[in-house]
Protein backbone atom coordinates (compact mmCIF):
# COMPACT_ATOMS: atom_id res chain seq x y z
CA MET A 1 3.81 -73.52 26.44
CA GLY A 2 1.96 -71.20 28.82
CA LEU A 3 -1.78 -70.73 29.04
CA PHE A 4 -1.64 -67.38 27.28
CA ASP A 5 1.05 -68.05 24.68
CA ASN A 6 -1.39 -68.66 21.84
CA LEU A 7 -3.76 -65.80 22.55
CA PRO A 8 -3.91 -63.28 19.70
CA PRO A 9 -2.86 -59.65 20.23
CA PRO A 10 -5.53 -57.04 21.00
CA VAL A 11 -7.43 -55.86 17.96
CA HIS A 12 -8.62 -52.28 17.85
CA THR A 13 -11.34 -50.29 16.19
CA THR A 14 -8.74 -48.60 13.98
CA PRO A 15 -5.90 -50.48 12.25
CA PRO A 16 -3.04 -50.55 14.78
CA ALA A 17 0.63 -50.43 14.03
CA PRO A 18 2.24 -53.88 13.93
CA THR A 19 2.69 -55.11 17.46
CA THR A 20 2.93 -58.28 19.47
CA CYS A 21 1.27 -58.45 22.84
CA SER A 22 0.48 -61.33 25.14
CA LEU A 23 -2.67 -61.35 27.22
CA PHE A 24 -0.95 -59.55 30.08
CA GLY A 25 1.32 -57.38 27.94
CA SER A 26 1.02 -53.64 27.60
CA LEU A 27 -2.02 -52.67 25.59
CA PRO A 28 -1.87 -49.65 23.26
CA PRO A 29 -4.04 -46.61 24.00
CA ALA A 30 -7.71 -47.07 23.23
CA SER A 31 -8.99 -45.58 20.01
CA SER A 32 -11.24 -42.54 20.30
CA GLN A 33 -13.37 -43.84 17.44
CA LYS A 34 -16.74 -45.12 18.57
CA ARG A 35 -17.10 -48.87 18.61
CA LYS A 36 -19.32 -50.55 16.04
CA THR A 37 -19.55 -54.33 16.06
CA SER A 38 -17.37 -57.23 17.09
CA SER A 39 -17.10 -58.62 13.56
CA GLU A 40 -15.11 -55.57 12.56
CA LEU A 41 -12.57 -56.58 15.17
CA SER A 42 -12.17 -60.08 13.74
CA PRO A 43 -12.31 -59.94 9.92
CA ASN A 44 -10.89 -63.46 9.54
CA GLU A 45 -13.74 -65.12 11.40
CA SER A 46 -16.86 -66.58 9.82
CA LYS A 47 -19.00 -64.10 7.97
CA ALA A 48 -22.36 -64.43 7.60
CA LYS A 49 -33.96 -48.00 36.36
CA ARG A 50 -35.24 -50.77 38.64
CA PRO A 51 -38.05 -53.00 37.38
CA SER A 52 -40.85 -50.77 36.15
CA ASN A 53 -43.84 -51.21 38.43
CA GLY A 54 -46.15 -48.68 36.88
CA ALA A 55 -44.64 -45.44 38.17
CA PRO A 56 -46.18 -42.57 36.20
CA CYS A 57 -44.02 -41.36 33.34
CA GLU A 58 -45.20 -39.04 30.59
CA LEU A 59 -43.97 -39.52 27.05
CA VAL A 60 -42.19 -36.18 26.93
CA PRO A 61 -38.57 -35.93 25.76
CA GLN A 62 -36.15 -34.78 28.43
CA GLN A 63 -33.56 -32.11 27.79
CA ALA A 64 -30.27 -33.63 26.69
CA ASN A 65 -28.31 -31.98 29.51
CA THR A 66 -30.51 -33.65 32.15
CA LEU A 67 -29.87 -37.21 30.95
CA SER A 68 -27.52 -39.56 32.78
CA SER A 69 -24.30 -40.30 30.92
CA VAL A 70 -24.01 -43.82 29.51
CA ARG A 71 -20.74 -45.34 28.28
CA GLY A 72 -20.07 -48.89 27.12
CA HIS A 73 -16.76 -50.78 27.22
CA ALA A 74 -16.50 -54.23 25.62
CA CYS A 75 -13.80 -56.86 25.74
CA THR A 76 -13.70 -60.35 24.26
CA CYS A 77 -11.34 -63.32 24.03
CA LYS A 78 -11.75 -66.71 22.42
CA GLY A 79 -10.05 -68.31 25.43
CA ARG A 80 -9.11 -71.93 24.98
CA ARG A 81 -11.54 -72.50 22.13
CA GLU A 82 -10.26 -72.85 18.59
CA TYR A 83 -12.98 -70.59 17.24
CA GLN A 84 -14.56 -67.36 18.43
CA GLN A 85 -18.34 -67.68 18.22
CA ASP A 86 -19.20 -64.76 20.51
CA ARG A 87 -20.34 -61.50 18.96
CA PHE A 88 -21.15 -58.17 20.55
CA VAL A 89 -22.43 -54.69 19.75
CA SER A 90 -21.64 -51.53 21.73
CA PHE A 91 -23.38 -48.39 20.47
CA ASP A 92 -23.15 -45.31 22.67
CA GLU A 93 -25.65 -42.63 21.75
CA GLU A 94 -22.91 -40.50 20.15
CA CYS A 95 -21.84 -43.23 17.72
CA GLU A 96 -22.22 -41.73 14.25
CA GLU A 97 -23.25 -44.96 12.55
CA TRP A 98 -25.81 -45.65 15.27
CA ALA A 99 -27.24 -42.13 15.04
CA ALA A 100 -27.49 -42.47 11.26
CA LEU A 101 -29.29 -45.80 11.60
CA VAL A 102 -31.81 -44.35 14.05
CA LYS A 103 -32.43 -41.39 11.76
CA ALA A 104 -32.81 -43.56 8.66
CA SER A 105 -35.15 -46.00 10.37
CA THR A 106 -37.52 -43.26 11.42
CA LYS A 107 -37.75 -42.10 7.80
CA CYS A 108 -38.28 -45.49 6.18
CA ALA A 109 -41.23 -46.00 3.87
CA GLU A 110 -42.86 -48.49 6.23
CA VAL A 111 -43.47 -45.79 8.83
CA GLU A 112 -46.49 -43.55 8.49
CA PRO A 113 -45.55 -39.93 7.65
CA GLN A 114 -46.96 -38.57 10.91
CA SER A 115 -44.87 -41.08 12.84
CA ARG A 116 -41.50 -40.62 11.18
CA THR A 117 -40.01 -38.51 13.94
CA PRO A 118 -39.44 -40.39 17.21
CA SER A 119 -40.51 -37.36 19.24
CA TRP A 120 -41.22 -39.39 22.35
CA PHE A 121 -37.52 -40.04 23.08
CA THR A 122 -34.36 -37.96 23.04
CA ARG A 123 -31.60 -40.54 22.98
CA ILE A 124 -30.99 -44.25 22.46
CA ALA A 125 -27.95 -46.37 23.25
CA TYR A 126 -27.70 -50.09 22.55
CA TYR A 127 -25.48 -52.93 23.77
CA GLY A 128 -25.62 -56.66 23.11
CA VAL A 129 -23.71 -59.90 23.67
CA PHE A 130 -24.49 -62.94 21.50
CA ASP A 131 -23.02 -66.36 22.26
CA GLY A 132 -23.17 -68.71 19.28
CA HIS A 133 -23.32 -72.50 19.39
CA GLY A 134 -22.91 -74.86 16.46
CA GLY A 135 -21.17 -72.04 14.62
CA SER A 136 -21.13 -68.24 14.48
CA LEU A 137 -23.72 -67.74 11.73
CA VAL A 138 -26.65 -66.87 14.01
CA SER A 139 -24.64 -64.85 16.53
CA THR A 140 -23.22 -62.79 13.65
CA PHE A 141 -26.70 -62.25 12.23
CA CYS A 142 -27.97 -61.01 15.60
CA GLU A 143 -24.95 -58.75 15.92
CA HIS A 144 -25.78 -57.02 12.65
CA HIS A 145 -29.57 -57.12 12.52
CA LEU A 146 -31.34 -57.34 15.90
CA HIS A 147 -30.84 -53.64 16.58
CA GLU A 148 -32.14 -52.82 13.09
CA HIS A 149 -35.41 -54.58 13.88
CA LEU A 150 -35.57 -52.80 17.22
CA VAL A 151 -34.93 -49.29 15.94
CA LYS A 152 -37.53 -49.69 13.21
CA LEU A 153 -40.12 -50.74 15.79
CA LEU A 154 -39.24 -47.91 18.17
CA SER A 155 -40.03 -45.40 15.43
CA ARG A 156 -43.72 -46.23 15.60
CA PRO A 157 -45.99 -44.08 17.78
CA PRO A 158 -46.25 -45.07 21.44
CA PRO A 159 -49.55 -46.22 22.96
CA VAL A 160 -51.92 -43.72 24.47
CA GLY A 161 -53.83 -44.34 27.68
CA PRO A 162 -53.58 -47.12 30.25
CA THR A 163 -51.47 -50.18 29.54
CA GLU A 164 -52.13 -53.84 30.23
CA PRO A 165 -50.70 -55.28 33.47
CA VAL A 166 -47.46 -57.20 33.07
CA GLU A 167 -45.98 -59.94 35.20
CA THR A 168 -43.14 -58.76 37.44
CA ARG A 169 -41.20 -60.44 40.20
CA THR A 170 -43.63 -58.98 42.72
CA GLY A 171 -46.80 -59.78 40.79
CA LYS A 172 -48.81 -58.16 38.00
CA ARG A 173 -48.59 -54.39 37.78
CA LYS A 174 -49.27 -51.72 35.22
CA GLU A 175 -46.31 -50.18 33.43
CA SER A 176 -45.82 -46.59 32.42
CA PRO A 177 -46.50 -45.85 28.73
CA THR A 178 -42.75 -45.46 28.14
CA ALA A 179 -41.88 -48.83 29.65
CA ALA A 180 -44.80 -50.51 27.87
CA THR A 181 -43.64 -49.13 24.52
CA ILE A 182 -40.08 -50.34 25.03
CA ARG A 183 -41.26 -53.77 26.17
CA SER A 184 -43.55 -54.22 23.17
CA CYS A 185 -40.84 -53.18 20.70
CA VAL A 186 -38.23 -55.48 22.23
CA LEU A 187 -40.59 -58.47 22.19
CA ASP A 188 -41.46 -57.84 18.55
CA ALA A 189 -37.81 -57.28 17.60
CA PHE A 190 -36.71 -60.63 19.04
CA LYS A 191 -39.60 -62.36 17.29
CA SER A 192 -39.01 -60.75 13.89
CA CYS A 193 -35.23 -61.24 14.05
CA ASP A 194 -35.59 -64.93 14.86
CA GLY A 195 -38.24 -65.27 12.16
CA GLU A 196 -35.82 -63.86 9.61
CA ILE A 197 -33.12 -66.28 10.78
CA LEU A 198 -35.43 -69.29 10.48
CA SER A 199 -36.72 -68.26 7.06
CA THR A 200 -33.18 -67.67 5.79
CA TRP A 201 -31.77 -70.94 7.18
CA PRO A 202 -34.76 -73.26 7.74
CA GLU A 203 -32.46 -76.25 8.08
CA GLY A 204 -29.76 -74.37 9.94
CA ARG A 205 -27.93 -76.06 12.80
CA ASP A 206 -26.53 -72.85 14.29
CA GLY A 207 -28.05 -71.08 17.24
CA ALA A 208 -27.22 -68.26 19.62
CA VAL A 209 -28.23 -67.02 23.03
CA GLY A 210 -28.06 -63.32 23.68
CA ILE A 211 -28.61 -60.43 26.03
CA ILE A 212 -29.15 -56.77 25.18
CA ALA A 213 -29.47 -53.52 27.06
CA ILE A 214 -31.15 -50.58 25.38
CA VAL A 215 -31.17 -47.15 26.98
CA VAL A 216 -34.08 -44.88 26.03
CA ASP A 217 -33.87 -41.49 27.71
CA GLU A 218 -33.76 -42.29 31.44
CA TRP A 219 -34.86 -45.92 31.11
CA VAL A 220 -32.80 -49.05 30.56
CA CYS A 221 -34.28 -52.29 29.25
CA ILE A 222 -32.47 -55.62 29.66
CA ALA A 223 -33.75 -58.50 27.52
CA TRP A 224 -32.28 -61.95 27.10
CA VAL A 225 -32.71 -65.50 25.84
CA GLY A 226 -30.52 -68.33 27.07
CA ASP A 227 -27.80 -68.26 29.71
CA CYS A 228 -26.09 -64.91 29.26
CA LYS A 229 -26.34 -62.86 32.43
CA SER A 230 -26.67 -59.25 33.54
CA VAL A 231 -25.38 -57.97 36.87
CA TRP A 232 -26.04 -54.57 38.39
CA CYS A 233 -23.35 -53.00 40.60
CA GLU A 234 -23.80 -49.84 42.63
CA LYS A 235 -22.02 -48.15 45.49
CA ASP A 236 -23.70 -47.83 48.86
CA GLU A 237 -22.33 -45.24 51.25
CA LYS A 238 -22.39 -47.69 54.15
CA SER A 239 -21.66 -51.09 52.64
CA GLY A 240 -19.55 -50.10 49.63
CA TRP A 241 -20.04 -51.78 46.25
CA THR A 242 -22.92 -54.23 45.99
CA ALA A 243 -23.92 -56.51 43.12
CA VAL A 244 -27.12 -58.31 42.18
CA CYS A 245 -27.89 -60.62 39.28
CA LEU A 246 -30.83 -59.30 37.25
CA THR A 247 -31.38 -62.35 35.06
CA LYS A 248 -32.22 -66.01 35.32
CA ASP A 249 -30.96 -68.67 32.95
CA HIS A 250 -33.23 -70.21 30.33
CA VAL A 251 -32.21 -73.84 30.66
CA PRO A 252 -34.32 -77.02 30.31
CA THR A 253 -33.75 -78.00 33.95
CA VAL A 254 -35.95 -75.08 35.08
CA TRP A 255 -39.47 -76.36 35.72
CA GLU A 256 -41.33 -73.79 33.58
CA GLU A 257 -38.96 -74.35 30.69
CA ARG A 258 -39.10 -78.14 30.93
CA ARG A 259 -42.89 -78.11 31.06
CA ARG A 260 -43.10 -76.07 27.86
CA ILE A 261 -40.68 -78.44 26.11
CA GLN A 262 -42.65 -81.49 27.19
CA LYS A 263 -45.96 -79.95 26.09
CA ALA A 264 -44.44 -79.42 22.64
CA GLY A 265 -43.53 -83.10 22.38
CA GLY A 266 -39.90 -82.77 23.40
CA HIS A 267 -38.06 -84.17 26.39
CA VAL A 268 -35.15 -83.29 28.63
CA LYS A 269 -32.27 -85.73 28.96
CA ASP A 270 -29.06 -85.08 30.87
CA GLY A 271 -30.17 -81.48 31.35
CA ARG A 272 -30.50 -80.84 27.62
CA VAL A 273 -33.36 -80.54 25.14
CA LEU A 274 -33.56 -83.96 23.45
CA GLY A 275 -30.28 -84.67 25.20
CA ARG A 276 -28.47 -82.19 22.94
CA LEU A 277 -29.24 -78.48 23.46
CA GLU A 278 -28.18 -76.89 26.75
CA VAL A 279 -30.54 -73.90 26.58
CA SER A 280 -34.31 -73.67 26.26
CA ARG A 281 -34.51 -70.26 24.56
CA ALA A 282 -32.34 -69.14 21.67
CA PHE A 283 -32.19 -67.53 18.26
CA GLY A 284 -31.98 -70.02 15.41
CA ASP A 285 -31.72 -73.72 16.37
CA ALA A 286 -34.37 -74.48 13.74
CA ARG A 287 -34.50 -78.22 14.43
CA PHE A 288 -35.42 -77.61 18.09
CA LYS A 289 -38.13 -74.99 17.60
CA GLN A 290 -40.88 -77.60 17.18
CA TYR A 291 -39.91 -79.05 20.57
CA GLY A 292 -40.53 -75.92 22.61
CA VAL A 293 -37.32 -73.94 22.19
CA ILE A 294 -38.43 -70.32 21.78
CA SER A 295 -36.88 -66.90 21.23
CA THR A 296 -39.24 -64.97 23.52
CA PRO A 297 -37.08 -62.95 25.91
CA HIS A 298 -37.51 -62.14 29.54
CA ILE A 299 -37.45 -58.37 29.98
CA ILE A 300 -36.54 -56.06 32.84
CA ILE A 301 -37.14 -52.30 32.56
CA ARG A 302 -35.83 -49.91 35.20
CA PRO A 303 -35.07 -46.20 35.52
CA LEU A 304 -31.44 -45.25 35.20
CA SER A 305 -29.42 -44.66 38.33
CA PRO A 306 -25.66 -44.29 38.89
CA GLY A 307 -23.87 -47.62 38.73
CA VAL A 308 -22.43 -50.27 36.47
CA LEU A 309 -24.49 -52.62 34.30
CA ILE A 310 -22.64 -55.76 33.21
CA LEU A 311 -23.62 -57.96 30.26
CA ALA A 312 -21.63 -61.16 29.78
CA CYS A 313 -21.80 -64.60 28.20
CA ASP A 314 -21.74 -67.80 30.24
CA GLY A 315 -18.01 -68.15 29.66
CA VAL A 316 -17.52 -65.37 32.20
CA TRP A 317 -19.96 -66.67 34.80
CA LYS A 318 -18.68 -70.24 34.69
CA ALA A 319 -15.28 -68.93 35.75
CA LEU A 320 -16.09 -65.97 38.00
CA THR A 321 -18.69 -65.42 40.71
CA ILE A 322 -20.78 -62.28 40.91
CA ASP A 323 -18.84 -61.24 44.01
CA GLN A 324 -15.54 -61.65 42.19
CA VAL A 325 -16.75 -59.42 39.37
CA ARG A 326 -18.01 -56.88 41.91
CA ASN A 327 -14.57 -56.84 43.51
CA ILE A 328 -12.99 -56.15 40.12
CA VAL A 329 -15.32 -53.17 39.69
CA ALA A 330 -14.46 -51.85 43.15
CA ASP A 331 -10.71 -52.33 42.67
CA GLU A 332 -10.55 -50.62 39.29
CA ILE A 333 -12.68 -47.61 40.16
CA GLY A 334 -10.41 -46.89 43.09
CA ARG A 335 -7.24 -46.92 40.98
CA LYS A 336 -5.99 -43.77 39.28
CA ASP A 337 -5.19 -44.29 35.62
CA LYS A 338 -5.39 -42.46 32.31
CA VAL A 339 -7.45 -45.31 30.88
CA PRO A 340 -11.20 -45.02 31.64
CA TRP A 341 -11.95 -47.39 34.50
CA GLY A 342 -14.88 -48.96 32.63
CA GLU A 343 -12.40 -50.09 30.01
CA ARG A 344 -10.09 -51.44 32.69
CA VAL A 345 -12.96 -53.35 34.31
CA SER A 346 -13.96 -55.05 31.04
CA GLU A 347 -10.38 -56.09 30.39
CA ALA A 348 -9.84 -57.29 33.97
CA VAL A 349 -13.02 -59.39 33.91
CA VAL A 350 -11.97 -61.17 30.72
CA LYS A 351 -8.44 -61.76 31.97
CA GLY A 352 -9.77 -62.94 35.31
CA ALA A 353 -12.09 -65.47 33.66
CA VAL A 354 -9.24 -66.89 31.57
CA VAL A 355 -6.94 -67.12 34.59
CA LYS A 356 -9.68 -68.97 36.49
CA GLY A 357 -9.77 -71.59 33.74
CA ALA A 358 -12.60 -70.50 31.44
CA ASP A 359 -12.78 -73.08 28.66
CA ASP A 360 -15.24 -71.11 26.53
CA ASN A 361 -15.26 -67.85 24.60
CA VAL A 362 -15.37 -64.93 27.03
CA THR A 363 -17.15 -61.63 26.28
CA VAL A 364 -18.26 -58.80 28.55
CA ILE A 365 -19.68 -55.30 28.16
CA ILE A 366 -19.32 -52.87 31.06
CA ILE A 367 -21.93 -50.09 30.85
CA VAL A 368 -21.10 -47.16 33.12
CA ILE A 369 -24.16 -45.07 33.97
CA GLY A 370 -24.13 -41.60 35.48
CA MET A 371 -20.61 -41.76 36.90
CA ASP A 372 -17.72 -39.35 36.32
CA GLY A 373 -14.31 -40.26 35.00
CA ASP A 374 -15.47 -42.61 32.27
CA GLU A 375 -15.77 -40.85 28.96
CA GLN A 376 -14.71 -43.15 26.17
CA ASN A 377 -16.41 -46.10 24.49
CA ASP A 378 -13.75 -48.67 23.71
CA SER A 379 -13.73 -52.29 22.65
CA ARG A 380 -10.91 -54.77 22.77
CA GLN A 381 -10.30 -58.30 21.67
CA LEU A 382 -7.66 -60.19 23.62
């Protein structure tokens, strides 16, 4: 029996005609329907800009035709695992369901009448990868509800006047009002979503790490808890395609994380919280919250620029290096094909991780920003 014999056929956003397809078989054309959530692709599974350093930016909506194009392409595979516990969301700004959610959230009763129109932004796109552990309950909840918390918070009026300095990689600096608003909403969304999880399942044993990217006008915010990673790829005229990791893992072996755990009365054994949990920040994991495991994300906010933003779970990064993923991006963009190259990149990354021996679920979202020849949001499950 070969490595790929038991992998299920690709599942599409619209019901496909009966087909059998191995991992490396011919895939049918991508659906033109906008992608919603990963659970809709697997109905038989469990239910349930560079860092902003204070550059001036007025809260004035930009004209739609001046905004950089943003397209997301997701691909997932359960790999060698028996169960698929990864979940993802890929909402381009044109997605009808996403647009309806944004509109409804800004008109909800909890928002003051004068604040019901989000006049400070023109467009929003949202992407997220959630890697469940101990089950798929929490990752599925995040898939369906984190963006709801976020959109509701973004409908409130932005702050006026100077903002408080925030800690960046180069020290404390003031953020623009736009960046400060996004940061505050994301922090509150992670907190309220995790609070709802803990109140719903106070004795729950499930947990999930996750990473999101939200595009607001010409800004992109990356926020994460746990060991999912984001990589930024861009093309330099002299050196070709370059790649840099934007995130750092939240694991108990990191000094700041271990210190917080120890102050809360916990301990780190064999690189795990209490010798059991591999990550130090996560949604859910109710039994570990009293020992310093938190859901507070790290956040990076940067202006949009042409390139490729990659969000992926640890199943990808345990099998592939950043340079290997960069090479996949470079190879696919240079190849002529009817299929959007962002879609080809997402598929090639997942296949590459499996070939390299990934023993975990593998999920990636390729977000193409401001680049021609990539016009369709598509999601596949291999």
